[in-house]
Amino acid sequence: MISMLQQLYMIPSFRESVLAIDDPKKEETPKEDNLLFHLQCIFAFLNQSEQQYFNPQGFTNAFKDWDGNPTNVLIQMDVDEFFNMFMDKLEFAIKGSKQQKMIQ
């Protein structure tokens, strides 16, 4: 999961687009459940911090499975499955923003 997010971060156009999104759902989604907010936190941290680690717990709690449960980090998920689920959730999260077509 985290290694895939690091790979996405390394794509400059994707990283810049994610960081530039003004979240259209920030008022209606609690921060602890806001996937876009937590993704932006990870990318901002990777972009600005000199620390060697980041605690992704906020992201893993916000990234819900198809049943609405937080991600269980003890269960291995195939990267293809995670990528498809992640892109579906990100596409929904950015709908209504200027960057809504960035993943199409």
PDB file of N, CA and C in Angstrom:
ATOM      1  N   MET A   1       0.830  -1.188   0.000  1.00  0.00           N
ATOM      2  CA  MET A   1       0.000   0.000   0.000  1.00  0.00           C
ATOM      3  C   MET A   1       0.876   1.254   0.000  1.00  0.00           C
ATOM      4  N   ILE A   2       1.727   1.368   1.002  1.00  0.00           N
ATOM      5  CA  ILE A   2       2.540   2.571   1.127  1.00  0.00           C
ATOM      6  C   ILE A   2       3.550   2.663  -0.007  1.00  0.00           C
ATOM      7  N   SER A   3       4.102   1.533  -0.432  1.00  0.00           N
ATOM      8  CA  SER A   3       5.073   1.582  -1.528  1.00  0.00           C
ATOM      9  C   SER A   3       4.407   2.057  -2.819  1.00  0.00           C
ATOM     10  N   MET A   4       3.144   1.686  -3.045  1.00  0.00           N
ATOM     11  CA  MET A   4       2.450   2.174  -4.227  1.00  0.00           C
ATOM     12  C   MET A   4       2.206   3.678  -4.130  1.00  0.00           C
ATOM     13  N   LEU A   5       1.851   4.163  -2.941  1.00  0.00           N
ATOM     14  CA  LEU A   5       1.658   5.603  -2.759  1.00  0.00           C
ATOM     15  C   LEU A   5       2.966   6.352  -2.987  1.00  0.00           C
ATOM     16  N   GLN A   6       4.080   5.755  -2.569  1.00  0.00           N
ATOM     17  CA  GLN A   6       5.380   6.379  -2.817  1.00  0.00           C
ATOM     18  C   GLN A   6       5.668   6.445  -4.315  1.00  0.00           C
ATOM     19  N   GLN A   7       5.303   5.405  -5.044  1.00  0.00           N
ATOM     20  CA  GLN A   7       5.504   5.414  -6.497  1.00  0.00           C
ATOM     21  C   GLN A   7       4.643   6.485  -7.162  1.00  0.00           C
ATOM     22  N   LEU A   8       3.400   6.623  -6.723  1.00  0.00           N
ATOM     23  CA  LEU A   8       2.538   7.678  -7.270  1.00  0.00           C
ATOM     24  C   LEU A   8       3.100   9.055  -6.942  1.00  0.00           C
ATOM     25  N   TYR A   9       3.640   9.203  -5.747  1.00  0.00           N
ATOM     26  CA  TYR A   9       4.251  10.470  -5.345  1.00  0.00           C
ATOM     27  C   TYR A   9       5.404  10.837  -6.277  1.00  0.00           C
ATOM     28  N   MET A  10       6.125   9.851  -6.767  1.00  0.00           N
ATOM     29  CA  MET A  10       7.286  10.099  -7.620  1.00  0.00           C
ATOM     30  C   MET A  10       6.906  10.526  -9.036  1.00  0.00           C
ATOM     31  N   ILE A  11       5.622  10.535  -9.366  1.00  0.00           N
ATOM     32  CA  ILE A  11       5.159  11.048 -10.661  1.00  0.00           C
ATOM     33  C   ILE A  11       4.832  12.523 -10.449  1.00  0.00           C
ATOM     34  N   PRO A  12       5.696  13.437 -10.924  1.00  0.00           N
ATOM     35  CA  PRO A  12       5.522  14.864 -10.609  1.00  0.00           C
ATOM     36  C   PRO A  12       4.134  15.419 -10.936  1.00  0.00           C
ATOM     37  N   SER A  13       3.584  15.080 -12.084  1.00  0.00           N
ATOM     38  CA  SER A  13       2.276  15.635 -12.452  1.00  0.00           C
ATOM     39  C   SER A  13       1.175  15.134 -11.517  1.00  0.00           C
ATOM     40  N   PHE A  14       1.254  13.871 -11.112  1.00  0.00           N
ATOM     41  CA  PHE A  14       0.261  13.319 -10.189  1.00  0.00           C
ATOM     42  C   PHE A  14       0.396  13.979  -8.823  1.00  0.00           C
ATOM     43  N   ARG A  15       1.628  14.052  -8.323  1.00  0.00           N
ATOM     44  CA  ARG A  15       1.892  14.664  -7.016  1.00  0.00           C
ATOM     45  C   ARG A  15       1.390  16.107  -6.982  1.00  0.00           C
ATOM     46  N   GLU A  16       1.744  16.892  -7.992  1.00  0.00           N
ATOM     47  CA  GLU A  16       1.347  18.301  -8.019  1.00  0.00           C
ATOM     48  C   GLU A  16      -0.164  18.453  -8.111  1.00  0.00           C
ATOM     49  N   SER A  17      -0.801  17.584  -8.889  1.00  0.00           N
ATOM     50  CA  SER A  17      -2.264  17.643  -8.999  1.00  0.00           C
ATOM     51  C   SER A  17      -2.934  17.319  -7.672  1.00  0.00           C
ATOM     52  N   VAL A  18      -2.460  16.282  -6.999  1.00  0.00           N
ATOM     53  CA  VAL A  18      -3.045  15.899  -5.703  1.00  0.00           C
ATOM     54  C   VAL A  18      -2.888  17.031  -4.695  1.00  0.00           C
ATOM     55  N   LEU A  19      -1.700  17.610  -4.640  1.00  0.00           N
ATOM     56  CA  LEU A  19      -1.455  18.683  -3.670  1.00  0.00           C
ATOM     57  C   LEU A  19      -2.246  19.948  -3.991  1.00  0.00           C
ATOM     58  N   ALA A  20      -2.616  20.131  -5.263  1.00  0.00           N
ATOM     59  CA  ALA A  20      -3.336  21.340  -5.669  1.00  0.00           C
ATOM     60  C   ALA A  20      -4.851  21.242  -5.505  1.00  0.00           C
ATOM     61  N   ILE A  21      -5.365  20.062  -5.227  1.00  0.00           N
ATOM     62  CA  ILE A  21      -6.818  19.880  -5.143  1.00  0.00           C
ATOM     63  C   ILE A  21      -7.381  20.625  -3.943  1.00  0.00           C
ATOM     64  N   ASP A  22      -8.405  21.427  -4.212  1.00  0.00           N
ATOM     65  CA  ASP A  22      -9.191  22.044  -3.144  1.00  0.00           C
ATOM     66  C   ASP A  22     -10.371  21.102  -2.934  1.00  0.00           C
ATOM     67  N   ASP A  23     -10.329  20.358  -1.870  1.00  0.00           N
ATOM     68  CA  ASP A  23     -11.277  19.274  -1.608  1.00  0.00           C
ATOM     69  C   ASP A  23     -12.722  19.755  -1.644  1.00  0.00           C
ATOM     70  N   PRO A  24     -13.496  19.316  -2.651  1.00  0.00           N
ATOM     71  CA  PRO A  24     -14.894  19.738  -2.751  1.00  0.00           C
ATOM     72  C   PRO A  24     -15.797  19.114  -1.681  1.00  0.00           C
ATOM     73  N   LYS A  25     -15.319  18.085  -0.999  1.00  0.00           N
ATOM     74  CA  LYS A  25     -16.148  17.388  -0.004  1.00  0.00           C
ATOM     75  C   LYS A  25     -15.651  17.593   1.421  1.00  0.00           C
ATOM     76  N   LYS A  26     -14.743  18.559   1.638  1.00  0.00           N
ATOM     77  CA  LYS A  26     -14.147  18.702   2.971  1.00  0.00           C
ATOM     78  C   LYS A  26     -15.156  19.107   4.033  1.00  0.00           C
ATOM     79  N   GLU A  27     -16.217  19.791   3.651  1.00  0.00           N
ATOM     80  CA  GLU A  27     -17.229  20.206   4.623  1.00  0.00           C
ATOM     81  C   GLU A  27     -18.153  19.058   5.012  1.00  0.00           C
ATOM     82  N   GLU A  28     -18.370  18.132   4.095  1.00  0.00           N
ATOM     83  CA  GLU A  28     -19.331  17.052   4.357  1.00  0.00           C
ATOM     84  C   GLU A  28     -18.680  15.757   4.849  1.00  0.00           C
ATOM     85  N   THR A  29     -17.364  15.656   4.737  1.00  0.00           N
ATOM     86  CA  THR A  29     -16.663  14.441   5.153  1.00  0.00           C
ATOM     87  C   THR A  29     -15.833  14.713   6.394  1.00  0.00           C
ATOM     88  N   PRO A  30     -16.059  13.963   7.475  1.00  0.00           N
ATOM     89  CA  PRO A  30     -15.214  14.145   8.664  1.00  0.00           C
ATOM     90  C   PRO A  30     -13.744  13.909   8.310  1.00  0.00           C
ATOM     91  N   LYS A  31     -12.860  14.704   8.878  1.00  0.00           N
ATOM     92  CA  LYS A  31     -11.438  14.635   8.545  1.00  0.00           C
ATOM     93  C   LYS A  31     -10.868  13.223   8.709  1.00  0.00           C
ATOM     94  N   GLU A  32     -11.302  12.508   9.745  1.00  0.00           N
ATOM     95  CA  GLU A  32     -10.743  11.167   9.965  1.00  0.00           C
ATOM     96  C   GLU A  32     -11.160  10.176   8.881  1.00  0.00           C
ATOM     97  N   ASP A  33     -12.222  10.477   8.126  1.00  0.00           N
ATOM     98  CA  ASP A  33     -12.682   9.608   7.041  1.00  0.00           C
ATOM     99  C   ASP A  33     -12.339  10.157   5.660  1.00  0.00           C
ATOM    100  N   ASN A  34     -11.633  11.269   5.604  1.00  0.00           N
ATOM    101  CA  ASN A  34     -11.377  11.955   4.340  1.00  0.00           C
ATOM    102  C   ASN A  34     -10.087  11.428   3.699  1.00  0.00           C
ATOM    103  N   LEU A  35     -10.252  10.547   2.725  1.00  0.00           N
ATOM    104  CA  LEU A  35      -9.120   9.927   2.043  1.00  0.00           C
ATOM    105  C   LEU A  35      -8.240  10.968   1.361  1.00  0.00           C
ATOM    106  N   LEU A  36      -8.844  11.922   0.678  1.00  0.00           N
ATOM    107  CA  LEU A  36      -8.063  12.941  -0.022  1.00  0.00           C
ATOM    108  C   LEU A  36      -7.224  13.756   0.951  1.00  0.00           C
ATOM    109  N   PHE A  37      -7.804  14.146   2.070  1.00  0.00           N
ATOM    110  CA  PHE A  37      -7.055  14.898   3.079  1.00  0.00           C
ATOM    111  C   PHE A  37      -5.818  14.120   3.524  1.00  0.00           C
ATOM    112  N   HIS A  38      -5.990  12.841   3.809  1.00  0.00           N
ATOM    113  CA  HIS A  38      -4.868  12.033   4.295  1.00  0.00           C
ATOM    114  C   HIS A  38      -3.834  11.774   3.196  1.00  0.00           C
ATOM    115  N   LEU A  39      -4.283  11.627   1.953  1.00  0.00           N
ATOM    116  CA  LEU A  39      -3.338  11.485   0.843  1.00  0.00           C
ATOM    117  C   LEU A  39      -2.526  12.766   0.683  1.00  0.00           C
ATOM    118  N   GLN A  40      -3.186  13.909   0.772  1.00  0.00           N
ATOM    119  CA  GLN A  40      -2.476  15.184   0.689  1.00  0.00           C
ATOM    120  C   GLN A  40      -1.489  15.337   1.848  1.00  0.00           C
ATOM    121  N   CYS A  41      -1.857  14.866   3.023  1.00  0.00           N
ATOM    122  CA  CYS A  41      -0.931  14.908   4.169  1.00  0.00           C
ATOM    123  C   CYS A  41       0.317  14.078   3.893  1.00  0.00           C
ATOM    124  N   ILE A  42       0.130  12.883   3.345  1.00  0.00           N
ATOM    125  CA  ILE A  42       1.279  12.024   3.033  1.00  0.00           C
ATOM    126  C   ILE A  42       2.175  12.699   2.005  1.00  0.00           C
ATOM    127  N   PHE A  43       1.577  13.205   0.924  1.00  0.00           N
ATOM    128  CA  PHE A  43       2.370  13.834  -0.132  1.00  0.00           C
ATOM    129  C   PHE A  43       3.062  15.097   0.370  1.00  0.00           C
ATOM    130  N   ALA A  44       2.376  15.889   1.169  1.00  0.00           N
ATOM    131  CA  ALA A  44       2.999  17.102   1.720  1.00  0.00           C
ATOM    132  C   ALA A  44       4.155  16.726   2.637  1.00  0.00           C
ATOM    133  N   PHE A  45       3.970  15.692   3.425  1.00  0.00           N
ATOM    134  CA  PHE A  45       5.037  15.234   4.320  1.00  0.00           C
ATOM    135  C   PHE A  45       6.245  14.781   3.510  1.00  0.00           C
ATOM    136  N   LEU A  46       6.017  13.958   2.486  1.00  0.00           N
ATOM    137  CA  LEU A  46       7.123  13.486   1.654  1.00  0.00           C
ATOM    138  C   LEU A  46       7.813  14.646   0.940  1.00  0.00           C
ATOM    139  N   ASN A  47       7.042  15.663   0.614  1.00  0.00           N
ATOM    140  CA  ASN A  47       7.559  16.823  -0.110  1.00  0.00           C
ATOM    141  C   ASN A  47       8.367  17.761   0.785  1.00  0.00           C
ATOM    142  N   GLN A  48       7.963  17.911   2.039  1.00  0.00           N
ATOM    143  CA  GLN A  48       8.531  18.950   2.894  1.00  0.00           C
ATOM    144  C   GLN A  48       9.383  18.460   4.060  1.00  0.00           C
ATOM    145  N   SER A  49       9.157  17.265   4.522  1.00  0.00           N
ATOM    146  CA  SER A  49       9.796  16.821   5.759  1.00  0.00           C
ATOM    147  C   SER A  49      11.172  16.208   5.522  1.00  0.00           C
ATOM    148  N   GLU A  50      12.002  16.341   6.517  1.00  0.00           N
ATOM    149  CA  GLU A  50      13.307  15.684   6.487  1.00  0.00           C
ATOM    150  C   GLU A  50      13.314  14.448   7.383  1.00  0.00           C
ATOM    151  N   GLN A  51      12.182  14.161   8.026  1.00  0.00           N
ATOM    152  CA  GLN A  51      12.093  12.962   8.857  1.00  0.00           C
ATOM    153  C   GLN A  51      12.168  11.719   7.973  1.00  0.00           C
ATOM    154  N   GLN A  52      12.575  10.621   8.555  1.00  0.00           N
ATOM    155  CA  GLN A  52      12.761   9.390   7.796  1.00  0.00           C
ATOM    156  C   GLN A  52      11.549   8.457   7.868  1.00  0.00           C
ATOM    157  N   TYR A  53      10.495   8.880   8.538  1.00  0.00           N
ATOM    158  CA  TYR A  53       9.331   8.006   8.661  1.00  0.00           C
ATOM    159  C   TYR A  53       8.056   8.851   8.687  1.00  0.00           C
ATOM    160  N   PHE A  54       6.962   8.195   8.396  1.00  0.00           N
ATOM    161  CA  PHE A  54       5.646   8.829   8.457  1.00  0.00           C
ATOM    162  C   PHE A  54       4.672   7.778   8.951  1.00  0.00           C
ATOM    163  N   ASN A  55       3.808   8.156   9.874  1.00  0.00           N
ATOM    164  CA  ASN A  55       2.804   7.229  10.386  1.00  0.00           C
ATOM    165  C   ASN A  55       1.553   7.337   9.509  1.00  0.00           C
ATOM    166  N   PRO A  56       1.256   6.314   8.706  1.00  0.00           N
ATOM    167  CA  PRO A  56       0.118   6.378   7.787  1.00  0.00           C
ATOM    168  C   PRO A  56      -1.212   5.956   8.411  1.00  0.00           C
ATOM    169  N   GLN A  57      -1.296   5.922   9.738  1.00  0.00           N
ATOM    170  CA  GLN A  57      -2.511   5.429  10.392  1.00  0.00           C
ATOM    171  C   GLN A  57      -3.753   6.213   9.968  1.00  0.00           C
ATOM    172  N   GLY A  58      -3.636   7.522   9.824  1.00  0.00           N
ATOM    173  CA  GLY A  58      -4.785   8.313   9.383  1.00  0.00           C
ATOM    174  C   GLY A  58      -5.276   7.857   8.023  1.00  0.00           C
ATOM    175  N   PHE A  59      -4.332   7.598   7.110  1.00  0.00           N
ATOM    176  CA  PHE A  59      -4.701   7.130   5.773  1.00  0.00           C
ATOM    177  C   PHE A  59      -5.342   5.752   5.838  1.00  0.00           C
ATOM    178  N   THR A  60      -4.736   4.845   6.593  1.00  0.00           N
ATOM    179  CA  THR A  60      -5.281   3.487   6.646  1.00  0.00           C
ATOM    180  C   THR A  60      -6.662   3.454   7.298  1.00  0.00           C
ATOM    181  N   ASN A  61      -6.929   4.369   8.205  1.00  0.00           N
ATOM    182  CA  ASN A  61      -8.274   4.455   8.792  1.00  0.00           C
ATOM    183  C   ASN A  61      -9.268   5.063   7.814  1.00  0.00           C
ATOM    184  N   ALA A  62      -8.817   6.014   7.002  1.00  0.00           N
ATOM    185  CA  ALA A  62      -9.705   6.668   6.040  1.00  0.00           C
ATOM    186  C   ALA A  62      -9.952   5.798   4.810  1.00  0.00           C
ATOM    187  N   PHE A  63      -9.009   4.928   4.492  1.00  0.00           N
ATOM    188  CA  PHE A  63      -9.147   4.049   3.328  1.00  0.00           C
ATOM    189  C   PHE A  63      -9.984   2.842   3.726  1.00  0.00           C
ATOM    190  N   LYS A  64     -11.259   2.918   3.419  1.00  0.00           N
ATOM    191  CA  LYS A  64     -12.205   1.869   3.824  1.00  0.00           C
ATOM    192  C   LYS A  64     -12.288   0.770   2.765  1.00  0.00           C
ATOM    193  N   ASP A  65     -12.562  -0.446   3.209  1.00  0.00           N
ATOM    194  CA  ASP A  65     -12.785  -1.533   2.262  1.00  0.00           C
ATOM    195  C   ASP A  65     -14.186  -1.392   1.667  1.00  0.00           C
ATOM    196  N   TRP A  66     -14.569  -2.349   0.827  1.00  0.00           N
ATOM    197  CA  TRP A  66     -15.871  -2.244   0.153  1.00  0.00           C
ATOM    198  C   TRP A  66     -17.037  -2.301   1.142  1.00  0.00           C
ATOM    199  N   ASP A  67     -16.801  -2.833   2.345  1.00  0.00           N
ATOM    200  CA  ASP A  67     -17.850  -2.904   3.363  1.00  0.00           C
ATOM    201  C   ASP A  67     -17.853  -1.696   4.288  1.00  0.00           C
ATOM    202  N   GLY A  68     -16.924  -0.755   4.065  1.00  0.00           N
ATOM    203  CA  GLY A  68     -16.865   0.451   4.884  1.00  0.00           C
ATOM    204  C   GLY A  68     -16.011   0.332   6.131  1.00  0.00           C
ATOM    205  N   ASN A  69     -15.219  -0.732   6.227  1.00  0.00           N
ATOM    206  CA  ASN A  69     -14.337  -0.921   7.381  1.00  0.00           C
ATOM    207  C   ASN A  69     -12.954  -0.348   7.092  1.00  0.00           C
ATOM    208  N   PRO A  70     -12.287   0.216   8.111  1.00  0.00           N
ATOM    209  CA  PRO A  70     -10.917   0.709   7.899  1.00  0.00           C
ATOM    210  C   PRO A  70      -9.991  -0.421   7.452  1.00  0.00           C
ATOM    211  N   THR A  71      -8.951  -0.065   6.745  1.00  0.00           N
ATOM    212  CA  THR A  71      -7.986  -1.042   6.248  1.00  0.00           C
ATOM    213  C   THR A  71      -7.325  -1.785   7.399  1.00  0.00           C
ATOM    214  N   ASN A  72      -7.307  -3.090   7.292  1.00  0.00           N
ATOM    215  CA  ASN A  72      -6.588  -3.916   8.259  1.00  0.00           C
ATOM    216  C   ASN A  72      -5.179  -4.108   7.711  1.00  0.00           C
ATOM    217  N   VAL A  73      -4.206  -3.448   8.315  1.00  0.00           N
ATOM    218  CA  VAL A  73      -2.834  -3.508   7.810  1.00  0.00           C
ATOM    219  C   VAL A  73      -2.185  -4.871   8.029  1.00  0.00           C
ATOM    220  N   LEU A  74      -2.830  -5.741   8.771  1.00  0.00           N
ATOM    221  CA  LEU A  74      -2.294  -7.082   8.993  1.00  0.00           C
ATOM    222  C   LEU A  74      -2.681  -8.052   7.879  1.00  0.00           C
ATOM    223  N   ILE A  75      -3.582  -7.618   7.003  1.00  0.00           N
ATOM    224  CA  ILE A  75      -4.008  -8.449   5.880  1.00  0.00           C
ATOM    225  C   ILE A  75      -3.368  -7.905   4.609  1.00  0.00           C
ATOM    226  N   GLN A  76      -2.609  -8.767   3.937  1.00  0.00           N
ATOM    227  CA  GLN A  76      -1.932  -8.346   2.715  1.00  0.00           C
ATOM    228  C   GLN A  76      -2.944  -8.212   1.588  1.00  0.00           C
ATOM    229  N   MET A  77      -2.842  -7.111   0.841  1.00  0.00           N
ATOM    230  CA  MET A  77      -3.729  -6.870  -0.284  1.00  0.00           C
ATOM    231  C   MET A  77      -2.882  -6.842  -1.552  1.00  0.00           C
ATOM    232  N   ASP A  78      -3.348  -7.495  -2.580  1.00  0.00           N
ATOM    233  CA  ASP A  78      -2.680  -7.467  -3.866  1.00  0.00           C
ATOM    234  C   ASP A  78      -2.589  -6.023  -4.347  1.00  0.00           C
ATOM    235  N   VAL A  79      -1.452  -5.628  -4.900  1.00  0.00           N
ATOM    236  CA  VAL A  79      -1.256  -4.238  -5.305  1.00  0.00           C
ATOM    237  C   VAL A  79      -2.251  -3.833  -6.391  1.00  0.00           C
ATOM    238  N   ASP A  80      -2.597  -4.745  -7.284  1.00  0.00           N
ATOM    239  CA  ASP A  80      -3.567  -4.430  -8.330  1.00  0.00           C
ATOM    240  C   ASP A  80      -4.939  -4.140  -7.719  1.00  0.00           C
ATOM    241  N   GLU A  81      -5.329  -4.956  -6.757  1.00  0.00           N
ATOM    242  CA  GLU A  81      -6.603  -4.744  -6.059  1.00  0.00           C
ATOM    243  C   GLU A  81      -6.592  -3.406  -5.324  1.00  0.00           C
ATOM    244  N   PHE A  82      -5.494  -3.125  -4.613  1.00  0.00           N
ATOM    245  CA  PHE A  82      -5.390  -1.857  -3.890  1.00  0.00           C
ATOM    246  C   PHE A  82      -5.415  -0.679  -4.852  1.00  0.00           C
ATOM    247  N   PHE A  83      -4.659  -0.768  -5.948  1.00  0.00           N
ATOM    248  CA  PHE A  83      -4.594   0.330  -6.911  1.00  0.00           C
ATOM    249  C   PHE A  83      -5.973   0.637  -7.486  1.00  0.00           C
ATOM    250  N   ASN A  84      -6.694  -0.391  -7.909  1.00  0.00           N
ATOM    251  CA  ASN A  84      -8.027  -0.175  -8.480  1.00  0.00           C
ATOM    252  C   ASN A  84      -8.986   0.427  -7.458  1.00  0.00           C
ATOM    253  N   MET A  85      -8.956  -0.091  -6.240  1.00  0.00           N
ATOM    254  CA  MET A  85      -9.820   0.437  -5.188  1.00  0.00           C
ATOM    255  C   MET A  85      -9.433   1.882  -4.856  1.00  0.00           C
ATOM    256  N   PHE A  86      -8.142   2.131  -4.765  1.00  0.00           N
ATOM    257  CA  PHE A  86      -7.643   3.472  -4.461  1.00  0.00           C
ATOM    258  C   PHE A  86      -8.076   4.473  -5.529  1.00  0.00           C
ATOM    259  N   MET A  87      -7.907   4.118  -6.800  1.00  0.00           N
ATOM    260  CA  MET A  87      -8.270   5.039  -7.882  1.00  0.00           C
ATOM    261  C   MET A  87      -9.775   5.290  -7.912  1.00  0.00           C
ATOM    262  N   ASP A  88     -10.576   4.271  -7.651  1.00  0.00           N
ATOM    263  CA  ASP A  88     -12.032   4.467  -7.575  1.00  0.00           C
ATOM    264  C   ASP A  88     -12.380   5.461  -6.471  1.00  0.00           C
ATOM    265  N   LYS A  89     -11.770   5.285  -5.318  1.00  0.00           N
ATOM    266  CA  LYS A  89     -12.054   6.163  -4.180  1.00  0.00           C
ATOM    267  C   LYS A  89     -11.527   7.574  -4.421  1.00  0.00           C
ATOM    268  N   LEU A  90     -10.354   7.681  -5.032  1.00  0.00           N
ATOM    269  CA  LEU A  90      -9.802   8.999  -5.330  1.00  0.00           C
ATOM    270  C   LEU A  90     -10.652   9.720  -6.369  1.00  0.00           C
ATOM    271  N   GLU A  91     -11.088   8.999  -7.393  1.00  0.00           N
ATOM    272  CA  GLU A  91     -11.945   9.598  -8.415  1.00  0.00           C
ATOM    273  C   GLU A  91     -13.225  10.152  -7.782  1.00  0.00           C
ATOM    274  N   PHE A  92     -13.829   9.400  -6.875  1.00  0.00           N
ATOM    275  CA  PHE A  92     -15.025   9.879  -6.178  1.00  0.00           C
ATOM    276  C   PHE A  92     -14.700  11.095  -5.310  1.00  0.00           C
ATOM    277  N   ALA A  93     -13.558  11.064  -4.636  1.00  0.00           N
ATOM    278  CA  ALA A  93     -13.180  12.143  -3.715  1.00  0.00           C
ATOM    279  C   ALA A  93     -12.936  13.465  -4.431  1.00  0.00           C
ATOM    280  N   ILE A  94     -12.428  13.406  -5.667  1.00  0.00           N
ATOM    281  CA  ILE A  94     -12.092  14.657  -6.361  1.00  0.00           C
ATOM    282  C   ILE A  94     -13.181  15.123  -7.318  1.00  0.00           C
ATOM    283  N   LYS A  95     -14.264  14.363  -7.407  1.00  0.00           N
ATOM    284  CA  LYS A  95     -15.369  14.765  -8.279  1.00  0.00           C
ATOM    285  C   LYS A  95     -15.869  16.139  -7.848  1.00  0.00           C
ATOM    286  N   GLY A  96     -15.933  17.057  -8.800  1.00  0.00           N
ATOM    287  CA  GLY A  96     -16.372  18.416  -8.508  1.00  0.00           C
ATOM    288  C   GLY A  96     -15.222  19.393  -8.340  1.00  0.00           C
ATOM    289  N   SER A  97     -13.990  18.885  -8.335  1.00  0.00           N
ATOM    290  CA  SER A  97     -12.823  19.773  -8.232  1.00  0.00           C
ATOM    291  C   SER A  97     -12.285  20.063  -9.638  1.00  0.00           C
ATOM    292  N   LYS A  98     -11.379  21.027  -9.737  1.00  0.00           N
ATOM    293  CA  LYS A  98     -10.763  21.352 -11.028  1.00  0.00           C
ATOM    294  C   LYS A  98      -9.916  20.200 -11.555  1.00  0.00           C
ATOM    295  N   GLN A  99      -9.448  19.357 -10.671  1.00  0.00           N
ATOM    296  CA  GLN A  99      -8.585  18.242 -11.059  1.00  0.00           C
ATOM    297  C   GLN A  99      -9.350  16.934 -11.261  1.00  0.00           C
ATOM    298  N   GLN A 100     -10.665  17.003 -11.395  1.00  0.00           N
ATOM    299  CA  GLN A 100     -11.459  15.776 -11.438  1.00  0.00           C
ATOM    300  C   GLN A 100     -11.115  14.865 -12.613  1.00  0.00           C
ATOM    301  N   LYS A 101     -10.486  15.383 -13.651  1.00  0.00           N
ATOM    302  CA  LYS A 101     -10.144  14.547 -14.806  1.00  0.00           C
ATOM    303  C   LYS A 101      -8.707  14.026 -14.759  1.00  0.00           C
ATOM    304  N   MET A 102      -8.012  14.261 -13.659  1.00  0.00           N
ATOM    305  CA  MET A 102      -6.595  13.888 -13.603  1.00  0.00           C
ATOM    306  C   MET A 102      -6.337  12.387 -13.648  1.00  0.00           C
ATOM    307  N   ILE A 103      -7.308  11.572 -13.313  1.00  0.00           N
ATOM    308  CA  ILE A 103      -7.072  10.123 -13.311  1.00  0.00           C
ATOM    309  C   ILE A 103      -7.878   9.394 -14.379  1.00  0.00           C
ATOM    310  N   GLN A 104      -8.424  10.118 -15.315  1.00  0.00           N
ATOM    311  CA  GLN A 104      -9.185   9.458 -16.384  1.00  0.00           C
ATOM    312  C   GLN A 104      -8.306   9.160 -17.563  1.00  0.00           C
TER     313      GLN A 104
END
